[in-house]
């Protein structure tokens, strides 16, 4: 196997092949720098659902039976994992940083509990509804099962009349921008149009965005395209290599 260095840097953007639950990973990644915002998409938030008799509720959903996704049997175990990575990532954020964490509805409570324990306030859910094949000639149906939870240190303020409105929802599919297949078809891929809303709403050009779970690089790619900087961690070597290629592609485009 070809050797890959743990830390990768390109034009003040950083990526680490490491573990987001390990404090040393953040030290190696950031070298003391603090991030302006965190956008996390943990591939561990799909809790196994069982019926009363113990059989799996969703045995046919092949997409979530993927090597890049870990499913927890117990909420307690998922809460411990969330606490392990989230508190370490939080130590690397500026005092006024916003935390954005993707999850499904089963994973919301453990994430909110950890965030509140860290001194953050829950500001609301940014909802992602995906179009289905169901419908008729004059309608399309959308299915809502994934949200980005938004947290901040202060209270969420109501916008003034002349403030720009911050959107709280997006309707679109897994790969509306046709990029997933080019970068490994990761099950947690997010299209650029979706990520753009969050990045523009909670950061400015030049800000440093911390991404503890790079996956195939959806968030890093969107961050670079919007002239922000990114610092990310990826545990699996295959996906870390893909993300590094994506760094280079975005910066050289």
C-alpha atoms as a PDB file:
ATOM      1  CA  UNK A   1       0.000   0.000   0.000  1.00  0.00           C
ATOM      2  CA  UNK A   2       1.315   3.419  -0.926  1.00  0.00           C
ATOM      3  CA  UNK A   3       2.338   5.462   2.124  1.00  0.00           C
ATOM      4  CA  UNK A   4       0.162   8.475   2.888  1.00  0.00           C
ATOM      5  CA  UNK A   5       1.255  11.197   5.284  1.00  0.00           C
ATOM      6  CA  UNK A   6      -1.191  11.884   8.098  1.00  0.00           C
ATOM      7  CA  UNK A   7      -1.417  15.626   7.498  1.00  0.00           C
ATOM      8  CA  UNK A   8      -2.016  17.308   4.162  1.00  0.00           C
ATOM      9  CA  UNK A   9      -1.819  21.069   3.558  1.00  0.00           C
ATOM     10  CA  UNK A  10      -2.604  23.071   0.451  1.00  0.00           C
ATOM     11  CA  UNK A  11      -2.823  26.880   0.392  1.00  0.00           C
ATOM     12  CA  UNK A  12      -3.709  27.195   4.099  1.00  0.00           C
ATOM     13  CA  UNK A  13      -6.269  24.396   3.924  1.00  0.00           C
ATOM     14  CA  UNK A  14      -5.632  21.299   6.014  1.00  0.00           C
ATOM     15  CA  UNK A  15      -6.693  17.677   6.107  1.00  0.00           C
ATOM     16  CA  UNK A  16      -5.734  14.894   8.490  1.00  0.00           C
ATOM     17  CA  UNK A  17      -6.001  11.156   8.072  1.00  0.00           C
ATOM     18  CA  UNK A  18      -6.931  10.480  11.683  1.00  0.00           C
ATOM     19  CA  UNK A  19      -9.590   9.957  14.336  1.00  0.00           C
ATOM     20  CA  UNK A  20     -11.988  12.797  15.217  1.00  0.00           C
ATOM     21  CA  UNK A  21     -12.458  11.385  18.729  1.00  0.00           C
ATOM     22  CA  UNK A  22      -8.728  11.838  19.480  1.00  0.00           C
ATOM     23  CA  UNK A  23      -7.482  15.188  20.832  1.00  0.00           C
ATOM     24  CA  UNK A  24      -4.126  14.697  19.145  1.00  0.00           C
ATOM     25  CA  UNK A  25      -5.835  14.703  15.731  1.00  0.00           C
ATOM     26  CA  UNK A  26      -7.064  18.261  16.248  1.00  0.00           C
ATOM     27  CA  UNK A  27      -3.672  19.383  17.541  1.00  0.00           C
ATOM     28  CA  UNK A  28      -1.941  17.965  14.471  1.00  0.00           C
ATOM     29  CA  UNK A  29      -4.591  19.354  12.135  1.00  0.00           C
ATOM     30  CA  UNK A  30      -4.856  22.935  13.397  1.00  0.00           C
ATOM     31  CA  UNK A  31      -1.564  23.566  15.193  1.00  0.00           C
ATOM     32  CA  UNK A  32      -3.320  25.874  17.660  1.00  0.00           C
ATOM     33  CA  UNK A  33      -5.493  27.776  15.152  1.00  0.00           C
ATOM     34  CA  UNK A  34      -9.171  28.197  16.032  1.00  0.00           C
ATOM     35  CA  UNK A  35     -11.969  27.645  13.519  1.00  0.00           C
ATOM     36  CA  UNK A  36     -14.761  30.143  12.801  1.00  0.00           C
ATOM     37  CA  UNK A  37     -17.457  27.498  12.272  1.00  0.00           C
ATOM     38  CA  UNK A  38     -17.907  23.738  12.498  1.00  0.00           C
ATOM     39  CA  UNK A  39     -19.851  21.728   9.931  1.00  0.00           C
ATOM     40  CA  UNK A  40     -20.023  18.051  10.870  1.00  0.00           C
ATOM     41  CA  UNK A  41     -21.699  15.201   9.029  1.00  0.00           C
ATOM     42  CA  UNK A  42     -21.030  12.131  11.215  1.00  0.00           C
ATOM     43  CA  UNK A  43     -21.470   8.844   9.314  1.00  0.00           C
ATOM     44  CA  UNK A  44     -22.467   7.278  12.620  1.00  0.00           C
ATOM     45  CA  UNK A  45     -25.891   8.792  13.255  1.00  0.00           C
ATOM     46  CA  UNK A  46     -28.033   6.035  11.718  1.00  0.00           C
ATOM     47  CA  UNK A  47     -29.240   4.181  14.801  1.00  0.00           C
ATOM     48  CA  UNK A  48     -30.369   0.593  14.239  1.00  0.00           C
ATOM     49  CA  UNK A  49     -34.150   0.457  14.518  1.00  0.00           C
ATOM     50  CA  UNK A  50     -35.766  -2.764  15.737  1.00  0.00           C
ATOM     51  CA  UNK A  51     -39.367  -3.859  16.083  1.00  0.00           C
ATOM     52  CA  UNK A  52     -40.793  -4.980  19.424  1.00  0.00           C
ATOM     53  CA  UNK A  53     -39.778  -8.598  18.754  1.00  0.00           C
ATOM     54  CA  UNK A  54     -36.188  -7.563  18.008  1.00  0.00           C
ATOM     55  CA  UNK A  55     -36.056  -7.926  14.195  1.00  0.00           C
ATOM     56  CA  UNK A  56     -34.566  -5.103  12.104  1.00  0.00           C
ATOM     57  CA  UNK A  57     -37.094  -2.496  11.012  1.00  0.00           C
ATOM     58  CA  UNK A  58     -35.326  -1.535   7.748  1.00  0.00           C
ATOM     59  CA  UNK A  59     -33.446  -4.654   6.529  1.00  0.00           C
ATOM     60  CA  UNK A  60     -33.784  -3.785   2.829  1.00  0.00           C
ATOM     61  CA  UNK A  61     -32.195  -0.343   2.833  1.00  0.00           C
ATOM     62  CA  UNK A  62     -28.906  -1.273   1.172  1.00  0.00           C
ATOM     63  CA  UNK A  63     -27.598   2.281   0.974  1.00  0.00           C
ATOM     64  CA  UNK A  64     -27.054   2.505   4.720  1.00  0.00           C
ATOM     65  CA  UNK A  65     -25.381  -0.927   4.873  1.00  0.00           C
ATOM     66  CA  UNK A  66     -22.081   0.605   3.803  1.00  0.00           C
ATOM     67  CA  UNK A  67     -18.534   0.359   5.139  1.00  0.00           C
ATOM     68  CA  UNK A  68     -18.464   4.127   5.673  1.00  0.00           C
ATOM     69  CA  UNK A  69     -21.444   4.033   8.054  1.00  0.00           C
ATOM     70  CA  UNK A  70     -21.522   2.679  11.621  1.00  0.00           C
ATOM     71  CA  UNK A  71     -24.910   1.947  13.166  1.00  0.00           C
ATOM     72  CA  UNK A  72     -25.294   1.986  16.935  1.00  0.00           C
ATOM     73  CA  UNK A  73     -27.555  -0.510  18.682  1.00  0.00           C
ATOM     74  CA  UNK A  74     -27.971   1.658  21.797  1.00  0.00           C
ATOM     75  CA  UNK A  75     -28.584   5.374  22.163  1.00  0.00           C
ATOM     76  CA  UNK A  76     -26.190   5.361  25.133  1.00  0.00           C
ATOM     77  CA  UNK A  77     -23.324   4.186  22.904  1.00  0.00           C
ATOM     78  CA  UNK A  78     -24.116   6.809  20.291  1.00  0.00           C
ATOM     79  CA  UNK A  79     -24.243   9.501  22.990  1.00  0.00           C
ATOM     80  CA  UNK A  80     -20.794   8.480  24.269  1.00  0.00           C
ATOM     81  CA  UNK A  81     -19.402   8.639  20.727  1.00  0.00           C
ATOM     82  CA  UNK A  82     -20.994  12.039  20.120  1.00  0.00           C
ATOM     83  CA  UNK A  83     -19.563  13.395  23.354  1.00  0.00           C
ATOM     84  CA  UNK A  84     -16.099  12.072  22.463  1.00  0.00           C
ATOM     85  CA  UNK A  85     -15.773  13.852  19.108  1.00  0.00           C
ATOM     86  CA  UNK A  86     -17.972  16.903  19.676  1.00  0.00           C
ATOM     87  CA  UNK A  87     -16.314  18.160  22.846  1.00  0.00           C
ATOM     88  CA  UNK A  88     -12.838  17.787  21.350  1.00  0.00           C
ATOM     89  CA  UNK A  89     -13.901  19.614  18.186  1.00  0.00           C
ATOM     90  CA  UNK A  90     -15.543  22.335  20.280  1.00  0.00           C
ATOM     91  CA  UNK A  91     -12.225  23.109  21.974  1.00  0.00           C
ATOM     92  CA  UNK A  92     -10.897  24.136  18.555  1.00  0.00           C
ATOM     93  CA  UNK A  93     -13.597  26.727  17.838  1.00  0.00           C
ATOM     94  CA  UNK A  94     -13.643  30.479  18.417  1.00  0.00           C
ATOM     95  CA  UNK A  95     -15.938  31.739  21.158  1.00  0.00           C
ATOM     96  CA  UNK A  96     -18.549  33.008  18.700  1.00  0.00           C
ATOM     97  CA  UNK A  97     -18.395  29.981  16.386  1.00  0.00           C
ATOM     98  CA  UNK A  98     -21.561  28.297  15.163  1.00  0.00           C
ATOM     99  CA  UNK A  99     -21.785  24.483  15.225  1.00  0.00           C
ATOM    100  CA  UNK A 100     -23.740  22.715  12.475  1.00  0.00           C
ATOM    101  CA  UNK A 101     -24.279  18.964  12.874  1.00  0.00           C
ATOM    102  CA  UNK A 102     -26.126  16.738  10.400  1.00  0.00           C
ATOM    103  CA  UNK A 103     -28.264  13.895  11.726  1.00  0.00           C
ATOM    104  CA  UNK A 104     -31.522  12.042  11.261  1.00  0.00           C
ATOM    105  CA  UNK A 105     -34.403  12.377  13.702  1.00  0.00           C
ATOM    106  CA  UNK A 106     -33.208   9.420  15.776  1.00  0.00           C
ATOM    107  CA  UNK A 107     -29.875  11.124  16.443  1.00  0.00           C
ATOM    108  CA  UNK A 108     -31.116  14.594  17.440  1.00  0.00           C
ATOM    109  CA  UNK A 109     -31.484  14.186  21.213  1.00  0.00           C
ATOM    110  CA  UNK A 110     -27.925  12.947  21.964  1.00  0.00           C
ATOM    111  CA  UNK A 111     -26.390  15.724  19.848  1.00  0.00           C
ATOM    112  CA  UNK A 112     -28.479  18.445  21.499  1.00  0.00           C
ATOM    113  CA  UNK A 113     -27.659  17.146  24.974  1.00  0.00           C
ATOM    114  CA  UNK A 114     -23.906  17.256  24.311  1.00  0.00           C
ATOM    115  CA  UNK A 115     -24.108  20.717  22.707  1.00  0.00           C
ATOM    116  CA  UNK A 116     -26.040  22.141  25.669  1.00  0.00           C
ATOM    117  CA  UNK A 117     -23.489  20.630  28.042  1.00  0.00           C
ATOM    118  CA  UNK A 118     -20.797  22.478  26.058  1.00  0.00           C
ATOM    119  CA  UNK A 119     -22.558  25.811  26.674  1.00  0.00           C
ATOM    120  CA  UNK A 120     -24.234  26.114  23.268  1.00  0.00           C
ATOM    121  CA  UNK A 121     -27.853  27.008  22.619  1.00  0.00           C
ATOM    122  CA  UNK A 122     -29.999  25.179  20.110  1.00  0.00           C
ATOM    123  CA  UNK A 123     -31.063  27.568  17.347  1.00  0.00           C
ATOM    124  CA  UNK A 124     -33.122  25.222  15.189  1.00  0.00           C
ATOM    125  CA  UNK A 125     -33.058  22.595  12.453  1.00  0.00           C
ATOM    126  CA  UNK A 126     -32.177  23.229   8.832  1.00  0.00           C
ATOM    127  CA  UNK A 127     -34.340  20.655   7.048  1.00  0.00           C
ATOM    128  CA  UNK A 128     -33.397  18.708   3.920  1.00  0.00           C
ATOM    129  CA  UNK A 129     -36.367  17.170   2.081  1.00  0.00           C
ATOM    130  CA  UNK A 130     -35.641  14.751  -0.758  1.00  0.00           C
ATOM    131  CA  UNK A 131     -38.007  14.287  -3.674  1.00  0.00           C
ATOM    132  CA  UNK A 132     -39.564  10.850  -4.092  1.00  0.00           C
ATOM    133  CA  UNK A 133     -40.845   8.995  -7.154  1.00  0.00           C
ATOM    134  CA  UNK A 134     -44.353   9.157  -5.746  1.00  0.00           C
ATOM    135  CA  UNK A 135     -46.814  11.759  -6.917  1.00  0.00           C
ATOM    136  CA  UNK A 136     -49.077  12.576  -9.820  1.00  0.00           C
ATOM    137  CA  UNK A 137     -48.967  14.703 -12.932  1.00  0.00           C
ATOM    138  CA  UNK A 138     -49.327  17.959 -11.033  1.00  0.00           C
ATOM    139  CA  UNK A 139     -47.396  17.260  -7.812  1.00  0.00           C
ATOM    140  CA  UNK A 140     -44.141  15.922  -6.397  1.00  0.00           C
ATOM    141  CA  UNK A 141     -43.776  14.504  -2.904  1.00  0.00           C
ATOM    142  CA  UNK A 142     -40.740  15.184  -0.713  1.00  0.00           C
ATOM    143  CA  UNK A 143     -39.549  13.045   2.184  1.00  0.00           C
ATOM    144  CA  UNK A 144     -37.963  14.712   5.210  1.00  0.00           C
ATOM    145  CA  UNK A 145     -35.591  12.591   7.305  1.00  0.00           C
ATOM    146  CA  UNK A 146     -32.302  14.481   7.576  1.00  0.00           C
ATOM    147  CA  UNK A 147     -31.624  17.780   9.346  1.00  0.00           C
ATOM    148  CA  UNK A 148     -28.663  20.003  10.197  1.00  0.00           C
ATOM    149  CA  UNK A 149     -28.892  21.095  13.828  1.00  0.00           C
ATOM    150  CA  UNK A 150     -27.658  24.662  14.375  1.00  0.00           C
ATOM    151  CA  UNK A 151     -26.050  25.710  17.678  1.00  0.00           C
ATOM    152  CA  UNK A 152     -24.604  29.029  18.872  1.00  0.00           C
ATOM    153  CA  UNK A 153     -23.274  30.453  22.135  1.00  0.00           C
ATOM    154  CA  UNK A 154     -25.792  33.302  22.300  1.00  0.00           C
ATOM    155  CA  UNK A 155     -29.528  33.382  21.806  1.00  0.00           C
ATOM    156  CA  UNK A 156     -30.770  33.250  18.238  1.00  0.00           C
ATOM    157  CA  UNK A 157     -31.929  36.761  17.373  1.00  0.00           C
ATOM    158  CA  UNK A 158     -34.823  37.653  15.128  1.00  0.00           C
ATOM    159  CA  UNK A 159     -33.664  39.366  11.933  1.00  0.00           C
ATOM    160  CA  UNK A 160     -34.262  43.067  11.506  1.00  0.00           C
ATOM    161  CA  UNK A 161     -36.482  44.210   8.662  1.00  0.00           C
ATOM    162  CA  UNK A 162     -33.527  45.020   6.384  1.00  0.00           C
ATOM    163  CA  UNK A 163     -31.460  41.925   7.316  1.00  0.00           C
ATOM    164  CA  UNK A 164     -30.896  39.181   4.773  1.00  0.00           C
ATOM    165  CA  UNK A 165     -33.142  36.198   5.453  1.00  0.00           C
ATOM    166  CA  UNK A 166     -31.423  32.944   6.461  1.00  0.00           C
ATOM    167  CA  UNK A 167     -33.129  29.906   4.855  1.00  0.00           C
ATOM    168  CA  UNK A 168     -34.116  26.954   7.040  1.00  0.00           C
ATOM    169  CA  UNK A 169     -34.910  24.317   4.432  1.00  0.00           C
ATOM    170  CA  UNK A 170     -33.834  22.833   1.113  1.00  0.00           C
ATOM    171  CA  UNK A 171     -35.719  20.542  -1.268  1.00  0.00           C
ATOM    172  CA  UNK A 172     -33.493  18.459  -3.498  1.00  0.00           C
ATOM    173  CA  UNK A 173     -31.974  15.056  -3.993  1.00  0.00           C
ATOM    174  CA  UNK A 174     -28.774  13.219  -3.013  1.00  0.00           C
ATOM    175  CA  UNK A 175     -26.834  14.197  -6.130  1.00  0.00           C
ATOM    176  CA  UNK A 176     -28.542  17.132  -7.830  1.00  0.00           C
ATOM    177  CA  UNK A 177     -25.149  18.527  -8.872  1.00  0.00           C
ATOM    178  CA  UNK A 178     -23.996  15.177 -10.358  1.00  0.00           C
ATOM    179  CA  UNK A 179     -20.783  15.062  -8.327  1.00  0.00           C
ATOM    180  CA  UNK A 180     -21.219  12.047  -6.045  1.00  0.00           C
ATOM    181  CA  UNK A 181     -20.327   9.400  -8.623  1.00  0.00           C
ATOM    182  CA  UNK A 182     -17.105  11.228  -9.529  1.00  0.00           C
ATOM    183  CA  UNK A 183     -15.966  11.079  -5.902  1.00  0.00           C
ATOM    184  CA  UNK A 184     -16.811   7.573  -4.742  1.00  0.00           C
ATOM    185  CA  UNK A 185     -20.598   7.803  -4.143  1.00  0.00           C
ATOM    186  CA  UNK A 186     -20.220   8.177  -0.385  1.00  0.00           C
ATOM    187  CA  UNK A 187     -23.559   7.479   1.396  1.00  0.00           C
ATOM    188  CA  UNK A 188     -23.311  10.805   3.263  1.00  0.00           C
ATOM    189  CA  UNK A 189     -22.638  12.883   0.139  1.00  0.00           C
ATOM    190  CA  UNK A 190     -24.263  16.328   0.160  1.00  0.00           C
ATOM    191  CA  UNK A 191     -24.881  18.339  -3.038  1.00  0.00           C
ATOM    192  CA  UNK A 192     -23.210  21.728  -3.380  1.00  0.00           C
ATOM    193  CA  UNK A 193     -26.502  23.641  -3.631  1.00  0.00           C
ATOM    194  CA  UNK A 194     -27.489  22.321  -0.199  1.00  0.00           C
ATOM    195  CA  UNK A 195     -24.171  23.070   1.513  1.00  0.00           C
ATOM    196  CA  UNK A 196     -23.915  26.493  -0.115  1.00  0.00           C
ATOM    197  CA  UNK A 197     -26.928  27.743   1.858  1.00  0.00           C
ATOM    198  CA  UNK A 198     -25.374  26.842   5.201  1.00  0.00           C
ATOM    199  CA  UNK A 199     -21.876  28.049   4.356  1.00  0.00           C
ATOM    200  CA  UNK A 200     -23.102  31.423   3.072  1.00  0.00           C
ATOM    201  CA  UNK A 201     -25.489  31.849   6.016  1.00  0.00           C
ATOM    202  CA  UNK A 202     -23.001  31.201   8.819  1.00  0.00           C
ATOM    203  CA  UNK A 203     -19.558  32.138   7.479  1.00  0.00           C
ATOM    204  CA  UNK A 204     -17.750  34.724   5.379  1.00  0.00           C
ATOM    205  CA  UNK A 205     -14.999  34.443   2.745  1.00  0.00           C
ATOM    206  CA  UNK A 206     -11.700  33.672   4.419  1.00  0.00           C
ATOM    207  CA  UNK A 207     -13.264  31.979   7.471  1.00  0.00           C
ATOM    208  CA  UNK A 208     -11.892  28.614   8.574  1.00  0.00           C
ATOM    209  CA  UNK A 209     -14.454  25.797   8.643  1.00  0.00           C
ATOM    210  CA  UNK A 210     -13.751  22.696  10.731  1.00  0.00           C
ATOM    211  CA  UNK A 211     -15.112  19.434   9.292  1.00  0.00           C
ATOM    212  CA  UNK A 212     -14.423  16.460  11.619  1.00  0.00           C
ATOM    213  CA  UNK A 213     -15.830  13.905   9.126  1.00  0.00           C
ATOM    214  CA  UNK A 214     -14.629  14.588   5.577  1.00  0.00           C
ATOM    215  CA  UNK A 215     -16.109  11.524   3.883  1.00  0.00           C
ATOM    216  CA  UNK A 216     -15.611  12.040   0.160  1.00  0.00           C
ATOM    217  CA  UNK A 217     -15.078  15.773   0.629  1.00  0.00           C
ATOM    218  CA  UNK A 218     -18.495  17.329  -0.035  1.00  0.00           C
ATOM    219  CA  UNK A 219     -18.095  19.998   2.657  1.00  0.00           C
ATOM    220  CA  UNK A 220     -14.413  20.762   1.882  1.00  0.00           C
ATOM    221  CA  UNK A 221     -15.216  21.134  -1.830  1.00  0.00           C
ATOM    222  CA  UNK A 222     -18.124  23.509  -1.177  1.00  0.00           C
ATOM    223  CA  UNK A 223     -16.019  25.458   1.328  1.00  0.00           C
ATOM    224  CA  UNK A 224     -13.176  25.971  -1.133  1.00  0.00           C
ATOM    225  CA  UNK A 225     -15.551  26.858  -3.958  1.00  0.00           C
ATOM    226  CA  UNK A 226     -17.028  29.620  -1.795  1.00  0.00           C
ATOM    227  CA  UNK A 227     -13.592  31.062  -0.931  1.00  0.00           C
ATOM    228  CA  UNK A 228     -13.525  29.852   2.664  1.00  0.00           C
ATOM    229  CA  UNK A 229     -10.755  27.756   4.200  1.00  0.00           C
ATOM    230  CA  UNK A 230     -11.218  24.214   5.485  1.00  0.00           C
ATOM    231  CA  UNK A 231      -9.620  21.944   8.070  1.00  0.00           C
ATOM    232  CA  UNK A 232     -10.898  18.389   8.028  1.00  0.00           C
ATOM    233  CA  UNK A 233     -10.377  14.929   9.483  1.00  0.00           C
ATOM    234  CA  UNK A 234     -11.138  11.565   7.887  1.00  0.00           C
ATOM    235  CA  UNK A 235     -10.674   8.191   9.587  1.00  0.00           C
ATOM    236  CA  UNK A 236     -10.700   5.857   6.592  1.00  0.00           C
ATOM    237  CA  UNK A 237      -7.686   5.986   4.312  1.00  0.00           C
ATOM    238  CA  UNK A 238      -9.677   5.417   1.106  1.00  0.00           C
ATOM    239  CA  UNK A 239     -11.872   8.456   1.740  1.00  0.00           C
ATOM    240  CA  UNK A 240      -8.977  10.573   3.016  1.00  0.00           C
ATOM    241  CA  UNK A 241      -7.232  10.026  -0.327  1.00  0.00           C
ATOM    242  CA  UNK A 242     -10.375  10.988  -2.252  1.00  0.00           C
ATOM    243  CA  UNK A 243     -10.780  14.170  -0.199  1.00  0.00           C
ATOM    244  CA  UNK A 244      -7.171  15.183  -0.895  1.00  0.00           C
ATOM    245  CA  UNK A 245      -7.719  14.753  -4.616  1.00  0.00           C
ATOM    246  CA  UNK A 246     -10.836  16.882  -4.296  1.00  0.00           C
ATOM    247  CA  UNK A 247      -8.882  19.599  -2.465  1.00  0.00           C
ATOM    248  CA  UNK A 248      -6.464  19.761  -5.372  1.00  0.00           C
ATOM    249  CA  UNK A 249      -9.247  19.717  -7.964  1.00  0.00           C
ATOM    250  CA  UNK A 250     -11.100  22.652  -6.361  1.00  0.00           C
ATOM    251  CA  UNK A 251      -8.010  24.772  -5.763  1.00  0.00           C
ATOM    252  CA  UNK A 252      -6.641  24.182  -9.267  1.00  0.00           C
ATOM    253  CA  UNK A 253      -9.989  24.728 -11.050  1.00  0.00           C
END
